[in-house]
Amino acid sequence: MDTALKKRIGKAVTWVMTFLLMLIICLPGLWVVLTGFRPNREVLAKPAIWIPEELTLNNFAQIFGFGAEQVAIPVPAYFTNSLIIALTSTVIAILIGMSGGYAFARFRFRFKDGIFLGLMLSRTVPGIALSLPVFMIWSRLGLIDTKPGLIIVYVALNIPFTIWLIDGFFRQIPKEMSEAAQVDGCTRWQAFWKIEFPLARSGIASAAIFAFLTSWNEYALASQLTRSTDSKTLPVGLMDFTAQFTIDWAGMSAMAVIIIVPALILTFIVQKHLISGLTFGGVKG
């Protein structure tokens, strides 16, 4: 057997194994998506029906209050809350992260390394470990069950990661480009927006995606800090489909699909920037 044939066989085996592995990984998510489009009788069938016999949009119509049967769960309010909280916290975290990342990459100041290390160490603390102290402080400040309270928490969670990620991107941009722009008459601010920001745009988009997904999907802290429809997010609202003796699997799966779809759409929209950003910032100087 010649070398070229061995390489083709090895490549084919690698692709097949990768496909099977990804199929196993994606199977639970695929099952949830299919359950969201199945009628309830098919969801509860025993033995389980692996290949759907019927697909319907009734589950989505019911949770949004359309159709003959309606679910008494304010899904539109939860969706609005999630969107407001995730977008607001992402924008704030990116603005602060961009400023902080640029400062760490371009300037020298006292305790720079210590502050940067402290930010990175803060990422090692799991969010659920902070739920009790945050709840006690927020209850005294009157921020429990409010959108601003959850936004502040998510901004604090995202800032260390966005600073670290954006810092790596700005370090890859030669300082000489900004200095040359300033020699040509640009101010430091103009050099940043016209030269450095466009080059780091892919990295900033990558940081924004990660920050948005963190805020959009987070459950542990949101379940502790929200109580009513005024602030509950979609992941927390999933628990509304559980009762004392029953669980509305079809409705819960339909709501899970609603959680998944915006994240997928946003990722596909900025896919080009995301891939180039991760590649560009892969090596830090």
C-alpha atoms as a PDB file:
ATOM      1  CA  MET A   1       0.000   0.000   0.000  1.00  0.00           C
ATOM      2  CA  ASP A   2       1.539   3.293  -1.113  1.00  0.00           C
ATOM      3  CA  THR A   3       1.950   6.315   1.159  1.00  0.00           C
ATOM      4  CA  ALA A   4      -0.686   8.446  -0.632  1.00  0.00           C
ATOM      5  CA  LEU A   5      -3.360   5.761  -0.155  1.00  0.00           C
ATOM      6  CA  LYS A   6      -2.461   5.420   3.526  1.00  0.00           C
ATOM      7  CA  LYS A   7      -2.851   9.167   3.966  1.00  0.00           C
ATOM      8  CA  ARG A   8      -6.282   9.117   2.274  1.00  0.00           C
ATOM      9  CA  ILE A   9      -7.457   6.229   4.449  1.00  0.00           C
ATOM     10  CA  GLY A  10      -6.113   7.906   7.579  1.00  0.00           C
ATOM     11  CA  LYS A  11      -7.839  11.167   6.636  1.00  0.00           C
ATOM     12  CA  ALA A  12     -11.129   9.363   5.935  1.00  0.00           C
ATOM     13  CA  VAL A  13     -10.965   7.518   9.277  1.00  0.00           C
ATOM     14  CA  THR A  14     -10.245  10.823  11.046  1.00  0.00           C
ATOM     15  CA  TRP A  15     -13.252  12.490   9.425  1.00  0.00           C
ATOM     16  CA  VAL A  16     -15.550   9.565  10.255  1.00  0.00           C
ATOM     17  CA  MET A  17     -14.404   9.469  13.890  1.00  0.00           C
ATOM     18  CA  THR A  18     -14.785  13.247  14.181  1.00  0.00           C
ATOM     19  CA  PHE A  19     -18.295  13.051  12.722  1.00  0.00           C
ATOM     20  CA  LEU A  20     -19.326  10.279  15.124  1.00  0.00           C
ATOM     21  CA  LEU A  21     -17.848  12.143  18.086  1.00  0.00           C
ATOM     22  CA  MET A  22     -19.642  15.388  17.151  1.00  0.00           C
ATOM     23  CA  LEU A  23     -22.865  13.429  16.623  1.00  0.00           C
ATOM     24  CA  ILE A  24     -22.623  12.043  20.163  1.00  0.00           C
ATOM     25  CA  ILE A  25     -21.876  15.503  21.572  1.00  0.00           C
ATOM     26  CA  CYS A  26     -24.738  17.155  19.649  1.00  0.00           C
ATOM     27  CA  LEU A  27     -27.301  14.386  20.241  1.00  0.00           C
ATOM     28  CA  PRO A  28     -28.744  15.854  23.507  1.00  0.00           C
ATOM     29  CA  GLY A  29     -29.162  19.272  21.890  1.00  0.00           C
ATOM     30  CA  LEU A  30     -30.709  17.736  18.786  1.00  0.00           C
ATOM     31  CA  TRP A  31     -33.135  15.773  20.971  1.00  0.00           C
ATOM     32  CA  VAL A  32     -34.206  18.973  22.756  1.00  0.00           C
ATOM     33  CA  VAL A  33     -34.764  20.770  19.446  1.00  0.00           C
ATOM     34  CA  LEU A  34     -36.828  17.875  18.030  1.00  0.00           C
ATOM     35  CA  THR A  35     -38.841  17.678  21.263  1.00  0.00           C
ATOM     36  CA  GLY A  36     -39.720  21.353  20.864  1.00  0.00           C
ATOM     37  CA  PHE A  37     -41.370  20.567  17.516  1.00  0.00           C
ATOM     38  CA  ARG A  38     -43.135  17.347  18.584  1.00  0.00           C
ATOM     39  CA  PRO A  39     -46.710  17.002  19.883  1.00  0.00           C
ATOM     40  CA  ASN A  40     -46.947  16.199  23.571  1.00  0.00           C
ATOM     41  CA  ARG A  41     -48.307  12.670  23.007  1.00  0.00           C
ATOM     42  CA  GLU A  42     -45.198  11.809  21.014  1.00  0.00           C
ATOM     43  CA  VAL A  43     -42.908  13.335  23.643  1.00  0.00           C
ATOM     44  CA  LEU A  44     -44.463  11.198  26.401  1.00  0.00           C
ATOM     45  CA  ALA A  45     -44.664   8.010  24.327  1.00  0.00           C
ATOM     46  CA  LYS A  46     -43.186   4.822  25.789  1.00  0.00           C
ATOM     47  CA  PRO A  47     -41.059   3.359  24.390  1.00  0.00           C
ATOM     48  CA  ALA A  48     -39.458   6.559  23.132  1.00  0.00           C
ATOM     49  CA  ILE A  49     -39.992   7.551  19.508  1.00  0.00           C
ATOM     50  CA  TRP A  50     -36.539   8.329  18.159  1.00  0.00           C
ATOM     51  CA  ILE A  51     -37.528   9.499  14.680  1.00  0.00           C
ATOM     52  CA  PRO A  52     -40.310  12.134  14.821  1.00  0.00           C
ATOM     53  CA  GLU A  53     -43.559  11.059  13.201  1.00  0.00           C
ATOM     54  CA  GLU A  54     -45.041  14.555  13.250  1.00  0.00           C
ATOM     55  CA  LEU A  55     -43.540  18.047  13.544  1.00  0.00           C
ATOM     56  CA  THR A  56     -45.625  20.987  14.720  1.00  0.00           C
ATOM     57  CA  LEU A  57     -45.302  24.614  15.793  1.00  0.00           C
ATOM     58  CA  ASN A  58     -48.084  24.327  18.364  1.00  0.00           C
ATOM     59  CA  ASN A  59     -45.637  24.255  21.277  1.00  0.00           C
ATOM     60  CA  PHE A  60     -44.210  27.621  20.257  1.00  0.00           C
ATOM     61  CA  ALA A  61     -47.656  29.076  19.623  1.00  0.00           C
ATOM     62  CA  GLN A  62     -48.836  27.983  23.065  1.00  0.00           C
ATOM     63  CA  ILE A  63     -45.934  29.446  25.046  1.00  0.00           C
ATOM     64  CA  PHE A  64     -46.365  32.767  23.201  1.00  0.00           C
ATOM     65  CA  GLY A  65     -50.098  32.840  23.915  1.00  0.00           C
ATOM     66  CA  PHE A  66     -51.481  31.855  20.503  1.00  0.00           C
ATOM     67  CA  GLY A  67     -53.785  29.008  19.567  1.00  0.00           C
ATOM     68  CA  ALA A  68     -56.571  27.216  21.402  1.00  0.00           C
ATOM     69  CA  GLU A  69     -54.362  26.038  24.263  1.00  0.00           C
ATOM     70  CA  GLN A  70     -52.138  28.562  25.985  1.00  0.00           C
ATOM     71  CA  VAL A  71     -49.422  28.228  28.598  1.00  0.00           C
ATOM     72  CA  ALA A  72     -49.744  30.597  31.539  1.00  0.00           C
ATOM     73  CA  ILE A  73     -46.055  31.535  31.423  1.00  0.00           C
ATOM     74  CA  PRO A  74     -44.963  35.037  30.297  1.00  0.00           C
ATOM     75  CA  VAL A  75     -42.372  33.870  27.780  1.00  0.00           C
ATOM     76  CA  PRO A  76     -42.365  37.187  25.801  1.00  0.00           C
ATOM     77  CA  ALA A  77     -41.557  39.072  29.026  1.00  0.00           C
ATOM     78  CA  TYR A  78     -38.737  36.638  29.840  1.00  0.00           C
ATOM     79  CA  PHE A  79     -37.362  36.997  26.311  1.00  0.00           C
ATOM     80  CA  THR A  80     -37.441  40.803  26.560  1.00  0.00           C
ATOM     81  CA  ASN A  81     -35.703  40.702  29.942  1.00  0.00           C
ATOM     82  CA  SER A  82     -32.971  38.393  28.632  1.00  0.00           C
ATOM     83  CA  LEU A  83     -32.409  40.554  25.570  1.00  0.00           C
ATOM     84  CA  ILE A  84     -32.195  43.807  27.540  1.00  0.00           C
ATOM     85  CA  ILE A  85     -29.942  42.361  30.234  1.00  0.00           C
ATOM     86  CA  ALA A  86     -27.618  40.502  27.838  1.00  0.00           C
ATOM     87  CA  LEU A  87     -27.227  43.369  25.348  1.00  0.00           C
ATOM     88  CA  THR A  88     -26.778  46.062  28.003  1.00  0.00           C
ATOM     89  CA  SER A  89     -24.252  44.077  30.037  1.00  0.00           C
ATOM     90  CA  THR A  90     -22.352  43.136  26.861  1.00  0.00           C
ATOM     91  CA  VAL A  91     -22.102  46.731  25.633  1.00  0.00           C
ATOM     92  CA  ILE A  92     -20.908  47.989  29.022  1.00  0.00           C
ATOM     93  CA  ALA A  93     -18.443  45.108  29.458  1.00  0.00           C
ATOM     94  CA  ILE A  94     -17.010  45.654  25.960  1.00  0.00           C
ATOM     95  CA  LEU A  95     -16.600  49.410  26.481  1.00  0.00           C
ATOM     96  CA  ILE A  96     -14.801  48.865  29.784  1.00  0.00           C
ATOM     97  CA  GLY A  97     -12.913  45.830  28.468  1.00  0.00           C
ATOM     98  CA  MET A  98     -11.770  47.736  25.383  1.00  0.00           C
ATOM     99  CA  SER A  99     -10.529  50.623  27.504  1.00  0.00           C
ATOM    100  CA  GLY A 100      -8.850  48.315  30.012  1.00  0.00           C
ATOM    101  CA  GLY A 101      -7.347  46.038  27.371  1.00  0.00           C
ATOM    102  CA  TYR A 102      -5.936  49.011  25.479  1.00  0.00           C
ATOM    103  CA  ALA A 103      -4.487  50.477  28.678  1.00  0.00           C
ATOM    104  CA  PHE A 104      -2.788  47.207  29.650  1.00  0.00           C
ATOM    105  CA  ALA A 105      -1.432  46.737  26.129  1.00  0.00           C
ATOM    106  CA  ARG A 106      -0.164  50.266  25.509  1.00  0.00           C
ATOM    107  CA  PHE A 107       0.665  51.976  28.817  1.00  0.00           C
ATOM    108  CA  ARG A 108       2.970  51.419  31.758  1.00  0.00           C
ATOM    109  CA  PHE A 109       1.715  52.232  35.235  1.00  0.00           C
ATOM    110  CA  ARG A 110       2.274  51.156  38.815  1.00  0.00           C
ATOM    111  CA  PHE A 111       0.995  47.749  39.900  1.00  0.00           C
ATOM    112  CA  LYS A 112       0.104  46.928  36.298  1.00  0.00           C
ATOM    113  CA  ASP A 113       1.066  43.268  36.574  1.00  0.00           C
ATOM    114  CA  GLY A 114      -0.587  42.889  39.983  1.00  0.00           C
ATOM    115  CA  ILE A 115      -3.870  44.398  38.816  1.00  0.00           C
ATOM    116  CA  PHE A 116      -3.871  42.235  35.697  1.00  0.00           C
ATOM    117  CA  LEU A 117      -3.144  39.118  37.773  1.00  0.00           C
ATOM    118  CA  GLY A 118      -5.950  40.052  40.179  1.00  0.00           C
ATOM    119  CA  LEU A 119      -8.399  40.355  37.299  1.00  0.00           C
ATOM    120  CA  MET A 120      -7.389  36.952  35.986  1.00  0.00           C
ATOM    121  CA  LEU A 121      -7.639  35.349  39.432  1.00  0.00           C
ATOM    122  CA  SER A 122     -11.171  36.698  39.790  1.00  0.00           C
ATOM    123  CA  ARG A 123     -12.124  34.431  36.885  1.00  0.00           C
ATOM    124  CA  THR A 124     -11.178  31.377  38.927  1.00  0.00           C
ATOM    125  CA  VAL A 125     -14.051  31.973  41.356  1.00  0.00           C
ATOM    126  CA  PRO A 126     -17.233  30.217  40.137  1.00  0.00           C
ATOM    127  CA  GLY A 127     -20.267  32.435  39.887  1.00  0.00           C
ATOM    128  CA  ILE A 128     -22.380  30.227  42.149  1.00  0.00           C
ATOM    129  CA  ALA A 129     -19.850  30.771  44.965  1.00  0.00           C
ATOM    130  CA  LEU A 130     -20.636  34.479  44.806  1.00  0.00           C
ATOM    131  CA  SER A 131     -24.407  34.039  44.927  1.00  0.00           C
ATOM    132  CA  LEU A 132     -24.759  34.307  48.727  1.00  0.00           C
ATOM    133  CA  PRO A 133     -22.587  37.433  49.289  1.00  0.00           C
ATOM    134  CA  VAL A 134     -24.036  39.100  46.186  1.00  0.00           C
ATOM    135  CA  PHE A 135     -27.568  38.312  47.370  1.00  0.00           C
ATOM    136  CA  MET A 136     -26.890  39.809  50.815  1.00  0.00           C
ATOM    137  CA  ILE A 137     -25.346  42.989  49.381  1.00  0.00           C
ATOM    138  CA  TRP A 138     -27.992  43.376  46.660  1.00  0.00           C
ATOM    139  CA  SER A 139     -30.821  42.918  49.189  1.00  0.00           C
ATOM    140  CA  ARG A 140     -29.449  45.827  51.246  1.00  0.00           C
ATOM    141  CA  LEU A 141     -29.112  47.975  48.125  1.00  0.00           C
ATOM    142  CA  GLY A 142     -32.593  47.109  46.865  1.00  0.00           C
ATOM    143  CA  LEU A 143     -31.282  45.499  43.664  1.00  0.00           C
ATOM    144  CA  ILE A 144     -32.944  42.100  44.105  1.00  0.00           C
ATOM    145  CA  ASP A 145     -35.442  41.325  41.338  1.00  0.00           C
ATOM    146  CA  THR A 146     -34.294  44.230  39.152  1.00  0.00           C
ATOM    147  CA  LYS A 147     -32.703  44.353  35.714  1.00  0.00           C
ATOM    148  CA  PRO A 148     -29.925  46.771  36.808  1.00  0.00           C
ATOM    149  CA  GLY A 149     -28.951  44.383  39.605  1.00  0.00           C
ATOM    150  CA  LEU A 150     -28.430  41.505  37.179  1.00  0.00           C
ATOM    151  CA  ILE A 151     -26.722  43.741  34.611  1.00  0.00           C
ATOM    152  CA  ILE A 152     -24.144  44.876  37.187  1.00  0.00           C
ATOM    153  CA  VAL A 153     -23.382  41.257  38.114  1.00  0.00           C
ATOM    154  CA  TYR A 154     -22.917  40.186  34.494  1.00  0.00           C
ATOM    155  CA  VAL A 155     -20.722  43.200  33.731  1.00  0.00           C
ATOM    156  CA  ALA A 156     -18.511  42.283  36.696  1.00  0.00           C
ATOM    157  CA  LEU A 157     -18.313  38.678  35.478  1.00  0.00           C
ATOM    158  CA  ASN A 158     -17.442  39.627  31.899  1.00  0.00           C
ATOM    159  CA  ILE A 159     -14.964  42.473  32.413  1.00  0.00           C
ATOM    160  CA  PRO A 160     -11.906  40.348  33.419  1.00  0.00           C
ATOM    161  CA  PHE A 161     -12.313  38.054  30.409  1.00  0.00           C
ATOM    162  CA  THR A 162     -12.934  40.859  27.915  1.00  0.00           C
ATOM    163  CA  ILE A 163      -9.924  42.823  29.201  1.00  0.00           C
ATOM    164  CA  TRP A 164      -7.692  39.764  28.891  1.00  0.00           C
ATOM    165  CA  LEU A 165      -8.964  38.895  25.415  1.00  0.00           C
ATOM    166  CA  ILE A 166      -8.846  42.425  23.984  1.00  0.00           C
ATOM    167  CA  ASP A 167      -5.441  43.060  25.579  1.00  0.00           C
ATOM    168  CA  GLY A 168      -4.052  40.159  23.542  1.00  0.00           C
ATOM    169  CA  PHE A 169      -5.442  41.611  20.308  1.00  0.00           C
ATOM    170  CA  PHE A 170      -4.035  45.105  20.866  1.00  0.00           C
ATOM    171  CA  ARG A 171      -0.621  43.631  21.682  1.00  0.00           C
ATOM    172  CA  GLN A 172      -0.539  42.147  18.179  1.00  0.00           C
ATOM    173  CA  ILE A 173      -0.916  45.612  16.599  1.00  0.00           C
ATOM    174  CA  PRO A 174       2.463  47.369  16.234  1.00  0.00           C
ATOM    175  CA  LYS A 175       2.712  50.600  18.215  1.00  0.00           C
ATOM    176  CA  GLU A 176       4.528  52.164  15.270  1.00  0.00           C
ATOM    177  CA  MET A 177       1.265  52.330  13.293  1.00  0.00           C
ATOM    178  CA  SER A 178      -0.376  54.540  15.903  1.00  0.00           C
ATOM    179  CA  GLU A 179       2.787  56.607  16.309  1.00  0.00           C
ATOM    180  CA  ALA A 180       3.002  57.143  12.563  1.00  0.00           C
ATOM    181  CA  ALA A 181      -0.623  58.339  12.497  1.00  0.00           C
ATOM    182  CA  GLN A 182       0.127  60.809  15.289  1.00  0.00           C
ATOM    183  CA  VAL A 183       3.156  62.099  13.391  1.00  0.00           C
ATOM    184  CA  ASP A 184       0.844  62.726  10.420  1.00  0.00           C
ATOM    185  CA  GLY A 185      -1.337  64.940  12.580  1.00  0.00           C
ATOM    186  CA  CYS A 186      -3.800  62.567  14.288  1.00  0.00           C
ATOM    187  CA  THR A 187      -4.455  62.827  17.986  1.00  0.00           C
ATOM    188  CA  ARG A 188      -4.080  59.679  20.089  1.00  0.00           C
ATOM    189  CA  TRP A 189      -7.893  59.332  20.081  1.00  0.00           C
ATOM    190  CA  GLN A 190      -8.060  59.652  16.277  1.00  0.00           C
ATOM    191  CA  ALA A 191      -5.188  57.195  15.852  1.00  0.00           C
ATOM    192  CA  PHE A 192      -7.065  54.712  18.032  1.00  0.00           C
ATOM    193  CA  TRP A 193     -10.372  54.952  16.161  1.00  0.00           C
ATOM    194  CA  LYS A 194      -8.923  55.166  12.635  1.00  0.00           C
ATOM    195  CA  ILE A 195      -5.974  52.776  12.924  1.00  0.00           C
ATOM    196  CA  GLU A 196      -6.027  50.477  15.957  1.00  0.00           C
ATOM    197  CA  PHE A 197      -9.753  49.938  16.452  1.00  0.00           C
ATOM    198  CA  PRO A 198     -10.403  48.687  12.868  1.00  0.00           C
ATOM    199  CA  LEU A 199      -7.507  46.254  13.179  1.00  0.00           C
ATOM    200  CA  ALA A 200      -8.755  44.964  16.538  1.00  0.00           C
ATOM    201  CA  ARG A 201     -12.398  44.843  15.415  1.00  0.00           C
ATOM    202  CA  SER A 202     -12.383  41.063  14.984  1.00  0.00           C
ATOM    203  CA  GLY A 203     -11.022  40.555  18.490  1.00  0.00           C
ATOM    204  CA  ILE A 204     -13.578  42.923  19.996  1.00  0.00           C
ATOM    205  CA  ALA A 205     -16.347  41.051  18.163  1.00  0.00           C
ATOM    206  CA  SER A 206     -15.033  37.787  19.638  1.00  0.00           C
ATOM    207  CA  ALA A 207     -15.064  39.247  23.146  1.00  0.00           C
ATOM    208  CA  ALA A 208     -18.588  40.582  22.587  1.00  0.00           C
ATOM    209  CA  ILE A 209     -19.865  37.147  21.523  1.00  0.00           C
ATOM    210  CA  PHE A 210     -18.440  35.471  24.607  1.00  0.00           C
ATOM    211  CA  ALA A 211     -19.798  38.209  26.880  1.00  0.00           C
ATOM    212  CA  PHE A 212     -23.257  38.020  25.311  1.00  0.00           C
ATOM    213  CA  LEU A 213     -23.441  34.231  25.548  1.00  0.00           C
ATOM    214  CA  THR A 214     -22.337  34.337  29.188  1.00  0.00           C
ATOM    215  CA  SER A 215     -25.128  36.775  30.054  1.00  0.00           C
ATOM    216  CA  TRP A 216     -27.722  35.099  27.825  1.00  0.00           C
ATOM    217  CA  ASN A 217     -27.195  31.558  29.145  1.00  0.00           C
ATOM    218  CA  GLU A 218     -26.359  32.201  32.823  1.00  0.00           C
ATOM    219  CA  TYR A 219     -28.728  30.523  35.270  1.00  0.00           C
ATOM    220  CA  ALA A 220     -27.193  30.120  38.746  1.00  0.00           C
ATOM    221  CA  LEU A 221     -26.943  33.803  39.716  1.00  0.00           C
ATOM    222  CA  ALA A 222     -30.098  34.807  37.837  1.00  0.00           C
ATOM    223  CA  SER A 223     -32.136  32.209  39.736  1.00  0.00           C
ATOM    224  CA  GLN A 224     -30.999  33.740  43.038  1.00  0.00           C
ATOM    225  CA  LEU A 225     -31.400  37.408  42.122  1.00  0.00           C
ATOM    226  CA  THR A 226     -34.717  37.360  40.219  1.00  0.00           C
ATOM    227  CA  ARG A 227     -38.228  36.698  41.482  1.00  0.00           C
ATOM    228  CA  SER A 228     -40.893  38.112  39.168  1.00  0.00           C
ATOM    229  CA  THR A 229     -41.613  38.590  35.479  1.00  0.00           C
ATOM    230  CA  ASP A 230     -40.048  42.060  35.719  1.00  0.00           C
ATOM    231  CA  SER A 231     -36.535  40.592  35.796  1.00  0.00           C
ATOM    232  CA  LYS A 232     -36.654  36.821  35.181  1.00  0.00           C
ATOM    233  CA  THR A 233     -34.608  35.653  32.224  1.00  0.00           C
ATOM    234  CA  LEU A 234     -35.299  32.770  29.847  1.00  0.00           C
ATOM    235  CA  PRO A 235     -33.033  30.190  31.582  1.00  0.00           C
ATOM    236  CA  VAL A 236     -34.748  30.896  34.912  1.00  0.00           C
ATOM    237  CA  GLY A 237     -38.161  30.836  33.241  1.00  0.00           C
ATOM    238  CA  LEU A 238     -37.565  27.240  32.154  1.00  0.00           C
ATOM    239  CA  MET A 239     -38.340  26.146  35.706  1.00  0.00           C
ATOM    240  CA  ASP A 240     -41.870  27.538  35.343  1.00  0.00           C
ATOM    241  CA  PHE A 241     -42.704  24.511  33.203  1.00  0.00           C
ATOM    242  CA  THR A 242     -42.206  22.187  36.175  1.00  0.00           C
ATOM    243  CA  ALA A 243     -45.104  21.509  38.534  1.00  0.00           C
ATOM    244  CA  GLN A 244     -45.386  19.319  41.648  1.00  0.00           C
ATOM    245  CA  PHE A 245     -46.244  16.146  39.749  1.00  0.00           C
ATOM    246  CA  THR A 246     -45.750  16.988  36.051  1.00  0.00           C
ATOM    247  CA  ILE A 247     -43.277  18.587  33.685  1.00  0.00           C
ATOM    248  CA  ASP A 248     -44.280  20.169  30.381  1.00  0.00           C
ATOM    249  CA  TRP A 249     -41.393  18.731  28.375  1.00  0.00           C
ATOM    250  CA  ALA A 250     -42.699  19.982  25.040  1.00  0.00           C
ATOM    251  CA  GLY A 251     -43.126  23.563  26.262  1.00  0.00           C
ATOM    252  CA  MET A 252     -39.788  23.516  28.077  1.00  0.00           C
ATOM    253  CA  SER A 253     -38.007  22.233  24.965  1.00  0.00           C
ATOM    254  CA  ALA A 254     -39.699  24.868  22.800  1.00  0.00           C
ATOM    255  CA  MET A 255     -38.460  27.566  25.174  1.00  0.00           C
ATOM    256  CA  ALA A 256     -34.975  26.006  25.117  1.00  0.00           C
ATOM    257  CA  VAL A 257     -35.006  26.339  21.316  1.00  0.00           C
ATOM    258  CA  ILE A 258     -35.885  30.022  21.728  1.00  0.00           C
ATOM    259  CA  ILE A 259     -32.829  30.385  23.978  1.00  0.00           C
ATOM    260  CA  ILE A 260     -30.575  28.625  21.467  1.00  0.00           C
ATOM    261  CA  VAL A 261     -31.687  30.357  18.256  1.00  0.00           C
ATOM    262  CA  PRO A 262     -30.599  33.994  18.973  1.00  0.00           C
ATOM    263  CA  ALA A 263     -27.170  32.802  20.090  1.00  0.00           C
ATOM    264  CA  LEU A 264     -26.765  30.769  16.890  1.00  0.00           C
ATOM    265  CA  ILE A 265     -27.947  33.638  14.686  1.00  0.00           C
ATOM    266  CA  LEU A 266     -25.570  36.100  16.351  1.00  0.00           C
ATOM    267  CA  THR A 267     -22.677  33.667  16.060  1.00  0.00           C
ATOM    268  CA  PHE A 268     -23.313  33.066  12.341  1.00  0.00           C
ATOM    269  CA  ILE A 269     -23.595  36.811  11.669  1.00  0.00           C
ATOM    270  CA  VAL A 270     -20.162  37.539  13.141  1.00  0.00           C
ATOM    271  CA  GLN A 271     -18.631  34.165  12.293  1.00  0.00           C
ATOM    272  CA  LYS A 272     -16.014  35.728  10.033  1.00  0.00           C
ATOM    273  CA  HIS A 273     -14.921  38.195  12.707  1.00  0.00           C
ATOM    274  CA  LEU A 274     -15.054  35.520  15.411  1.00  0.00           C
ATOM    275  CA  ILE A 275     -12.730  33.089  13.620  1.00  0.00           C
ATOM    276  CA  SER A 276     -10.276  35.756  12.490  1.00  0.00           C
ATOM    277  CA  GLY A 277     -10.351  37.353  15.926  1.00  0.00           C
ATOM    278  CA  LEU A 278      -9.547  34.144  17.757  1.00  0.00           C
ATOM    279  CA  THR A 279      -6.771  33.363  15.256  1.00  0.00           C
ATOM    280  CA  PHE A 280      -5.342  36.886  15.387  1.00  0.00           C
ATOM    281  CA  GLY A 281      -5.246  36.997  19.164  1.00  0.00           C
ATOM    282  CA  GLY A 282      -4.019  33.450  19.594  1.00  0.00           C
ATOM    283  CA  VAL A 283      -0.431  34.479  20.341  1.00  0.00           C
ATOM    284  CA  LYS A 284       0.360  37.178  22.844  1.00  0.00           C
ATOM    285  CA  GLY A 285       3.534  39.204  22.623  1.00  0.00           C
END
